[in-house]
Amino acid sequence: MSWITDERRPEIIETFDGWGKSKRVIILLENGEVFVAEFNSGIEEGKPWEQWYLLCFDDAVETIIGWCDCIPD
C-alpha cells in the first residue's frame, strides 16, 4: 500500500442531482489519523467543488494529505 499524495482523485462511480461520489477509500489526515471516506465532487452555481466525506462522522474534512484505494468492493 502506498499513499496517493498528488492531485489524483478517486473515480466518481455514482452520480446524483449535480454531484457524484467515489467508492470508499482510506484517507490520511495531516494529524496522522486514518479514516474510511468517500470523495465527492460536483458543480454548484457554475463552480466546481470537491470534498472528502467521512462516513463515521457524517461530515466533510479538509486536512487530507493522502488517500489509498485499497478497500475491496
PDB file of N, CA and C in Angstrom:
ATOM      1  N   MET A   1       0.842  -1.175   0.000  1.00  0.00           N
ATOM      2  CA  MET A   1       0.000   0.000   0.000  1.00  0.00           C
ATOM      3  C   MET A   1       0.887   1.238   0.000  1.00  0.00           C
ATOM      4  N   SER A   2       0.535   2.191  -0.849  1.00  0.00           N
ATOM      5  CA  SER A   2       1.227   3.473  -0.819  1.00  0.00           C
ATOM      6  C   SER A   2       0.187   4.591  -0.934  1.00  0.00           C
ATOM      7  N   TRP A   3       0.449   5.669  -0.236  1.00  0.00           N
ATOM      8  CA  TRP A   3      -0.482   6.788  -0.233  1.00  0.00           C
ATOM      9  C   TRP A   3      -0.377   7.568  -1.529  1.00  0.00           C
ATOM     10  N   ILE A   4      -1.501   7.983  -2.071  1.00  0.00           N
ATOM     11  CA  ILE A   4      -1.542   8.877  -3.225  1.00  0.00           C
ATOM     12  C   ILE A   4      -1.580  10.283  -2.657  1.00  0.00           C
ATOM     13  N   THR A   5      -0.552  11.050  -2.948  1.00  0.00           N
ATOM     14  CA  THR A   5      -0.426  12.375  -2.346  1.00  0.00           C
ATOM     15  C   THR A   5      -0.435  13.501  -3.378  1.00  0.00           C
ATOM     16  N   ASP A   6      -0.627  13.167  -4.638  1.00  0.00           N
ATOM     17  CA  ASP A   6      -0.656  14.205  -5.674  1.00  0.00           C
ATOM     18  C   ASP A   6      -2.100  14.630  -5.949  1.00  0.00           C
ATOM     19  N   GLU A   7      -2.367  15.221  -7.077  1.00  0.00           N
ATOM     20  CA  GLU A   7      -3.689  15.765  -7.392  1.00  0.00           C
ATOM     21  C   GLU A   7      -4.692  14.723  -7.894  1.00  0.00           C
ATOM     22  N   ARG A   8      -4.294  13.461  -8.009  1.00  0.00           N
ATOM     23  CA  ARG A   8      -5.243  12.434  -8.442  1.00  0.00           C
ATOM     24  C   ARG A   8      -6.343  12.272  -7.401  1.00  0.00           C
ATOM     25  N   ARG A   9      -7.524  11.946  -7.893  1.00  0.00           N
ATOM     26  CA  ARG A   9      -8.679  11.735  -7.027  1.00  0.00           C
ATOM     27  C   ARG A   9      -9.332  10.411  -7.406  1.00  0.00           C
ATOM     28  N   PRO A  10     -10.049   9.784  -6.478  1.00  0.00           N
ATOM     29  CA  PRO A  10     -10.748   8.541  -6.810  1.00  0.00           C
ATOM     30  C   PRO A  10     -11.788   8.774  -7.904  1.00  0.00           C
ATOM     31  N   GLU A  11     -12.033   7.743  -8.683  1.00  0.00           N
ATOM     32  CA  GLU A  11     -13.029   7.812  -9.749  1.00  0.00           C
ATOM     33  C   GLU A  11     -14.435   7.955  -9.165  1.00  0.00           C
ATOM     34  N   ILE A  12     -15.213   8.842  -9.742  1.00  0.00           N
ATOM     35  CA  ILE A  12     -16.615   9.001  -9.349  1.00  0.00           C
ATOM     36  C   ILE A  12     -17.386   7.834  -9.954  1.00  0.00           C
ATOM     37  N   ILE A  13     -18.047   7.042  -9.100  1.00  0.00           N
ATOM     38  CA  ILE A  13     -18.740   5.853  -9.588  1.00  0.00           C
ATOM     39  C   ILE A  13     -20.256   5.947  -9.515  1.00  0.00           C
ATOM     40  N   GLU A  14     -20.759   6.928  -8.770  1.00  0.00           N
ATOM     41  CA  GLU A  14     -22.199   7.075  -8.620  1.00  0.00           C
ATOM     42  C   GLU A  14     -22.528   8.555  -8.665  1.00  0.00           C
ATOM     43  N   THR A  15     -23.493   8.929  -9.501  1.00  0.00           N
ATOM     44  CA  THR A  15     -23.861  10.333  -9.608  1.00  0.00           C
ATOM     45  C   THR A  15     -25.301  10.545  -9.174  1.00  0.00           C
ATOM     46  N   PHE A  16     -25.533  11.737  -8.674  1.00  0.00           N
ATOM     47  CA  PHE A  16     -26.845  12.160  -8.196  1.00  0.00           C
ATOM     48  C   PHE A  16     -27.180  13.480  -8.873  1.00  0.00           C
ATOM     49  N   ASP A  17     -28.093  14.233  -8.359  1.00  0.00           N
ATOM     50  CA  ASP A  17     -28.504  15.502  -8.943  1.00  0.00           C
ATOM     51  C   ASP A  17     -27.419  16.566  -8.741  1.00  0.00           C
ATOM     52  N   GLY A  18     -26.502  16.691  -9.696  1.00  0.00           N
ATOM     53  CA  GLY A  18     -25.479  17.727  -9.636  1.00  0.00           C
ATOM     54  C   GLY A  18     -24.199  17.367  -8.917  1.00  0.00           C
ATOM     55  N   TRP A  19     -24.087  16.137  -8.396  1.00  0.00           N
ATOM     56  CA  TRP A  19     -22.850  15.758  -7.720  1.00  0.00           C
ATOM     57  C   TRP A  19     -22.639  14.249  -7.839  1.00  0.00           C
ATOM     58  N   GLY A  20     -21.427  13.805  -7.494  1.00  0.00           N
ATOM     59  CA  GLY A  20     -21.112  12.387  -7.554  1.00  0.00           C
ATOM     60  C   GLY A  20     -20.223  11.977  -6.403  1.00  0.00           C
ATOM     61  N   LYS A  21     -20.124  10.648  -6.219  1.00  0.00           N
ATOM     62  CA  LYS A  21     -19.267  10.142  -5.141  1.00  0.00           C
ATOM     63  C   LYS A  21     -18.443   8.960  -5.640  1.00  0.00           C
ATOM     64  N   SER A  22     -17.314   8.761  -4.980  1.00  0.00           N
ATOM     65  CA  SER A  22     -16.426   7.651  -5.301  1.00  0.00           C
ATOM     66  C   SER A  22     -16.788   6.443  -4.443  1.00  0.00           C
ATOM     67  N   LYS A  23     -16.123   5.326  -4.737  1.00  0.00           N
ATOM     68  CA  LYS A  23     -16.236   4.207  -3.803  1.00  0.00           C
ATOM     69  C   LYS A  23     -15.468   4.591  -2.540  1.00  0.00           C
ATOM     70  N   ARG A  24     -15.598   3.829  -1.517  1.00  0.00           N
ATOM     71  CA  ARG A  24     -14.910   4.124  -0.254  1.00  0.00           C
ATOM     72  C   ARG A  24     -13.410   3.897  -0.387  1.00  0.00           C
ATOM     73  N   VAL A  25     -12.659   4.823   0.167  1.00  0.00           N
ATOM     74  CA  VAL A  25     -11.203   4.752   0.167  1.00  0.00           C
ATOM     75  C   VAL A  25     -10.712   5.042   1.581  1.00  0.00           C
ATOM     76  N   ILE A  26      -9.441   4.826   1.809  1.00  0.00           N
ATOM     77  CA  ILE A  26      -8.822   5.178   3.089  1.00  0.00           C
ATOM     78  C   ILE A  26      -8.125   6.515   2.915  1.00  0.00           C
ATOM     79  N   ILE A  27      -8.327   7.423   3.871  1.00  0.00           N
ATOM     80  CA  ILE A  27      -7.668   8.732   3.811  1.00  0.00           C
ATOM     81  C   ILE A  27      -6.750   8.907   5.015  1.00  0.00           C
ATOM     82  N   LEU A  28      -5.711   9.682   4.815  1.00  0.00           N
ATOM     83  CA  LEU A  28      -4.750  10.010   5.863  1.00  0.00           C
ATOM     84  C   LEU A  28      -4.836  11.507   6.135  1.00  0.00           C
ATOM     85  N   LEU A  29      -5.162  11.865   7.375  1.00  0.00           N
ATOM     86  CA  LEU A  29      -5.220  13.273   7.753  1.00  0.00           C
ATOM     87  C   LEU A  29      -3.836  13.763   8.147  1.00  0.00           C
ATOM     88  N   GLU A  30      -3.639  15.072   8.136  1.00  0.00           N
ATOM     89  CA  GLU A  30      -2.320  15.614   8.467  1.00  0.00           C
ATOM     90  C   GLU A  30      -1.913  15.351   9.907  1.00  0.00           C
ATOM     91  N   ASN A  31      -2.872  15.029  10.792  1.00  0.00           N
ATOM     92  CA  ASN A  31      -2.530  14.698  12.180  1.00  0.00           C
ATOM     93  C   ASN A  31      -2.197  13.215  12.359  1.00  0.00           C
ATOM     94  N   GLY A  32      -2.192  12.449  11.253  1.00  0.00           N
ATOM     95  CA  GLY A  32      -1.818  11.043  11.297  1.00  0.00           C
ATOM     96  C   GLY A  32      -2.973  10.073  11.444  1.00  0.00           C
ATOM     97  N   GLU A  33      -4.196  10.580  11.636  1.00  0.00           N
ATOM     98  CA  GLU A  33      -5.354   9.704  11.769  1.00  0.00           C
ATOM     99  C   GLU A  33      -5.757   9.163  10.394  1.00  0.00           C
ATOM    100  N   VAL A  34      -6.307   7.948  10.405  1.00  0.00           N
ATOM    101  CA  VAL A  34      -6.723   7.266   9.181  1.00  0.00           C
ATOM    102  C   VAL A  34      -8.213   6.955   9.290  1.00  0.00           C
ATOM    103  N   PHE A  35      -8.959   7.237   8.214  1.00  0.00           N
ATOM    104  CA  PHE A  35     -10.395   7.003   8.192  1.00  0.00           C
ATOM    105  C   PHE A  35     -10.833   6.435   6.850  1.00  0.00           C
ATOM    106  N   VAL A  36     -12.027   5.856   6.841  1.00  0.00           N
ATOM    107  CA  VAL A  36     -12.690   5.482   5.596  1.00  0.00           C
ATOM    108  C   VAL A  36     -13.509   6.688   5.154  1.00  0.00           C
ATOM    109  N   ALA A  37     -13.420   7.020   3.867  1.00  0.00           N
ATOM    110  CA  ALA A  37     -14.121   8.194   3.359  1.00  0.00           C
ATOM    111  C   ALA A  37     -14.542   7.973   1.918  1.00  0.00           C
ATOM    112  N   GLU A  38     -15.353   8.892   1.427  1.00  0.00           N
ATOM    113  CA  GLU A  38     -15.714   8.968   0.017  1.00  0.00           C
ATOM    114  C   GLU A  38     -15.258  10.325  -0.492  1.00  0.00           C
ATOM    115  N   PHE A  39     -14.914  10.367  -1.771  1.00  0.00           N
ATOM    116  CA  PHE A  39     -14.599  11.631  -2.418  1.00  0.00           C
ATOM    117  C   PHE A  39     -15.845  12.081  -3.164  1.00  0.00           C
ATOM    118  N   ASN A  40     -16.285  13.314  -2.923  1.00  0.00           N
ATOM    119  CA  ASN A  40     -17.462  13.873  -3.590  1.00  0.00           C
ATOM    120  C   ASN A  40     -17.036  15.056  -4.446  1.00  0.00           C
ATOM    121  N   SER A  41     -17.701  15.234  -5.578  1.00  0.00           N
ATOM    122  CA  SER A  41     -17.461  16.413  -6.409  1.00  0.00           C
ATOM    123  C   SER A  41     -18.718  16.757  -7.179  1.00  0.00           C
ATOM    124  N   GLY A  42     -18.787  18.002  -7.612  1.00  0.00           N
ATOM    125  CA  GLY A  42     -19.935  18.446  -8.380  1.00  0.00           C
ATOM    126  C   GLY A  42     -19.750  19.874  -8.842  1.00  0.00           C
ATOM    127  N   ILE A  43     -20.836  20.455  -9.326  1.00  0.00           N
ATOM    128  CA  ILE A  43     -20.833  21.847  -9.775  1.00  0.00           C
ATOM    129  C   ILE A  43     -22.021  22.538  -9.121  1.00  0.00           C
ATOM    130  N   GLU A  44     -21.743  23.657  -8.481  1.00  0.00           N
ATOM    131  CA  GLU A  44     -22.791  24.440  -7.838  1.00  0.00           C
ATOM    132  C   GLU A  44     -22.660  25.887  -8.290  1.00  0.00           C
ATOM    133  N   GLU A  45     -23.733  26.448  -8.810  1.00  0.00           N
ATOM    134  CA  GLU A  45     -23.744  27.810  -9.335  1.00  0.00           C
ATOM    135  C   GLU A  45     -22.625  28.018 -10.349  1.00  0.00           C
ATOM    136  N   GLY A  46     -22.388  27.001 -11.181  1.00  0.00           N
ATOM    137  CA  GLY A  46     -21.384  27.078 -12.231  1.00  0.00           C
ATOM    138  C   GLY A  46     -19.952  26.882 -11.786  1.00  0.00           C
ATOM    139  N   LYS A  47     -19.733  26.619 -10.506  1.00  0.00           N
ATOM    140  CA  LYS A  47     -18.373  26.454  -9.993  1.00  0.00           C
ATOM    141  C   LYS A  47     -18.171  25.023  -9.508  1.00  0.00           C
ATOM    142  N   PRO A  48     -17.049  24.396  -9.910  1.00  0.00           N
ATOM    143  CA  PRO A  48     -16.777  23.036  -9.431  1.00  0.00           C
ATOM    144  C   PRO A  48     -16.406  23.026  -7.949  1.00  0.00           C
ATOM    145  N   TRP A  49     -16.782  21.968  -7.253  1.00  0.00           N
ATOM    146  CA  TRP A  49     -16.419  21.793  -5.848  1.00  0.00           C
ATOM    147  C   TRP A  49     -16.033  20.335  -5.624  1.00  0.00           C
ATOM    148  N   GLU A  50     -15.287  20.103  -4.558  1.00  0.00           N
ATOM    149  CA  GLU A  50     -14.938  18.739  -4.160  1.00  0.00           C
ATOM    150  C   GLU A  50     -14.752  18.698  -2.653  1.00  0.00           C
ATOM    151  N   GLN A  51     -14.956  17.504  -2.087  1.00  0.00           N
ATOM    152  CA  GLN A  51     -14.761  17.327  -0.651  1.00  0.00           C
ATOM    153  C   GLN A  51     -14.464  15.863  -0.363  1.00  0.00           C
ATOM    154  N   TRP A  52     -13.835  15.629   0.767  1.00  0.00           N
ATOM    155  CA  TRP A  52     -13.651  14.291   1.313  1.00  0.00           C
ATOM    156  C   TRP A  52     -14.668  14.136   2.430  1.00  0.00           C
ATOM    157  N   TYR A  53     -15.508  13.108   2.314  1.00  0.00           N
ATOM    158  CA  TYR A  53     -16.621  12.926   3.236  1.00  0.00           C
ATOM    159  C   TYR A  53     -16.333  11.751   4.169  1.00  0.00           C
ATOM    160  N   LEU A  54     -16.261  12.027   5.468  1.00  0.00           N
ATOM    161  CA  LEU A  54     -16.015  10.995   6.478  1.00  0.00           C
ATOM    162  C   LEU A  54     -17.329  10.332   6.858  1.00  0.00           C
ATOM    163  N   LEU A  55     -17.453   9.069   6.581  1.00  0.00           N
ATOM    164  CA  LEU A  55     -18.684   8.334   6.855  1.00  0.00           C
ATOM    165  C   LEU A  55     -18.962   8.222   8.341  1.00  0.00           C
ATOM    166  N   CYS A  56     -17.936   8.005   9.138  1.00  0.00           N
ATOM    167  CA  CYS A  56     -18.142   7.786  10.570  1.00  0.00           C
ATOM    168  C   CYS A  56     -18.599   9.042  11.307  1.00  0.00           C
ATOM    169  N   PHE A  57     -18.308  10.220  10.766  1.00  0.00           N
ATOM    170  CA  PHE A  57     -18.713  11.467  11.410  1.00  0.00           C
ATOM    171  C   PHE A  57     -19.826  12.185  10.660  1.00  0.00           C
ATOM    172  N   ASP A  58     -20.225  11.633   9.498  1.00  0.00           N
ATOM    173  CA  ASP A  58     -21.257  12.260   8.675  1.00  0.00           C
ATOM    174  C   ASP A  58     -20.909  13.723   8.420  1.00  0.00           C
ATOM    175  N   ASP A  59     -19.645  13.958   8.013  1.00  0.00           N
ATOM    176  CA  ASP A  59     -19.158  15.315   7.816  1.00  0.00           C
ATOM    177  C   ASP A  59     -17.974  15.301   6.854  1.00  0.00           C
ATOM    178  N   ALA A  60     -17.674  16.453   6.275  1.00  0.00           N
ATOM    179  CA  ALA A  60     -16.534  16.601   5.377  1.00  0.00           C
ATOM    180  C   ALA A  60     -15.296  17.023   6.179  1.00  0.00           C
ATOM    181  N   VAL A  61     -14.129  16.733   5.613  1.00  0.00           N
ATOM    182  CA  VAL A  61     -12.868  17.101   6.249  1.00  0.00           C
ATOM    183  C   VAL A  61     -11.938  17.671   5.177  1.00  0.00           C
ATOM    184  N   GLU A  62     -11.059  18.586   5.564  1.00  0.00           N
ATOM    185  CA  GLU A  62     -10.202  19.269   4.589  1.00  0.00           C
ATOM    186  C   GLU A  62      -8.711  19.009   4.777  1.00  0.00           C
ATOM    187  N   THR A  63      -8.325  18.311   5.814  1.00  0.00           N
ATOM    188  CA  THR A  63      -6.896  18.176   6.130  1.00  0.00           C
ATOM    189  C   THR A  63      -6.293  16.873   5.589  1.00  0.00           C
ATOM    190  N   ILE A  64      -6.697  16.474   4.407  1.00  0.00           N
ATOM    191  CA  ILE A  64      -6.213  15.233   3.788  1.00  0.00           C
ATOM    192  C   ILE A  64      -4.809  15.437   3.236  1.00  0.00           C
ATOM    193  N   ILE A  65      -3.901  14.502   3.564  1.00  0.00           N
ATOM    194  CA  ILE A  65      -2.567  14.559   2.956  1.00  0.00           C
ATOM    195  C   ILE A  65      -2.316  13.362   2.048  1.00  0.00           C
ATOM    196  N   GLY A  66      -3.208  12.369   2.080  1.00  0.00           N
ATOM    197  CA  GLY A  66      -3.066  11.222   1.199  1.00  0.00           C
ATOM    198  C   GLY A  66      -4.294  10.337   1.248  1.00  0.00           C
ATOM    199  N   TRP A  67      -4.430   9.494   0.214  1.00  0.00           N
ATOM    200  CA  TRP A  67      -5.515   8.543   0.186  1.00  0.00           C
ATOM    201  C   TRP A  67      -5.027   7.263  -0.473  1.00  0.00           C
ATOM    202  N   CYS A  68      -5.733   6.179  -0.213  1.00  0.00           N
ATOM    203  CA  CYS A  68      -5.343   4.868  -0.740  1.00  0.00           C
ATOM    204  C   CYS A  68      -6.604   4.114  -1.151  1.00  0.00           C
ATOM    205  N   ASP A  69      -6.585   3.568  -2.339  1.00  0.00           N
ATOM    206  CA  ASP A  69      -7.718   2.813  -2.864  1.00  0.00           C
ATOM    207  C   ASP A  69      -7.482   1.326  -2.601  1.00  0.00           C
ATOM    208  N   CYS A  70      -7.623   0.916  -1.347  1.00  0.00           N
ATOM    209  CA  CYS A  70      -7.302  -0.476  -1.016  1.00  0.00           C
ATOM    210  C   CYS A  70      -8.408  -1.189  -0.265  1.00  0.00           C
ATOM    211  N   ILE A  71      -9.638  -0.672  -0.326  1.00  0.00           N
ATOM    212  CA  ILE A  71     -10.766  -1.341   0.294  1.00  0.00           C
ATOM    213  C   ILE A  71     -11.447  -2.188  -0.783  1.00  0.00           C
ATOM    214  N   PRO A  72     -11.607  -3.483  -0.580  1.00  0.00           N
ATOM    215  CA  PRO A  72     -12.236  -4.309  -1.610  1.00  0.00           C
ATOM    216  C   PRO A  72     -13.690  -3.892  -1.856  1.00  0.00           C
ATOM    217  N   ASP A  73     -14.151  -4.104  -3.073  1.00  0.00           N
ATOM    218  CA  ASP A  73     -15.553  -3.803  -3.408  1.00  0.00           C
ATOM    219  C   ASP A  73     -16.494  -4.699  -2.651  1.00  0.00           C
TER     220      ASP A  73
END
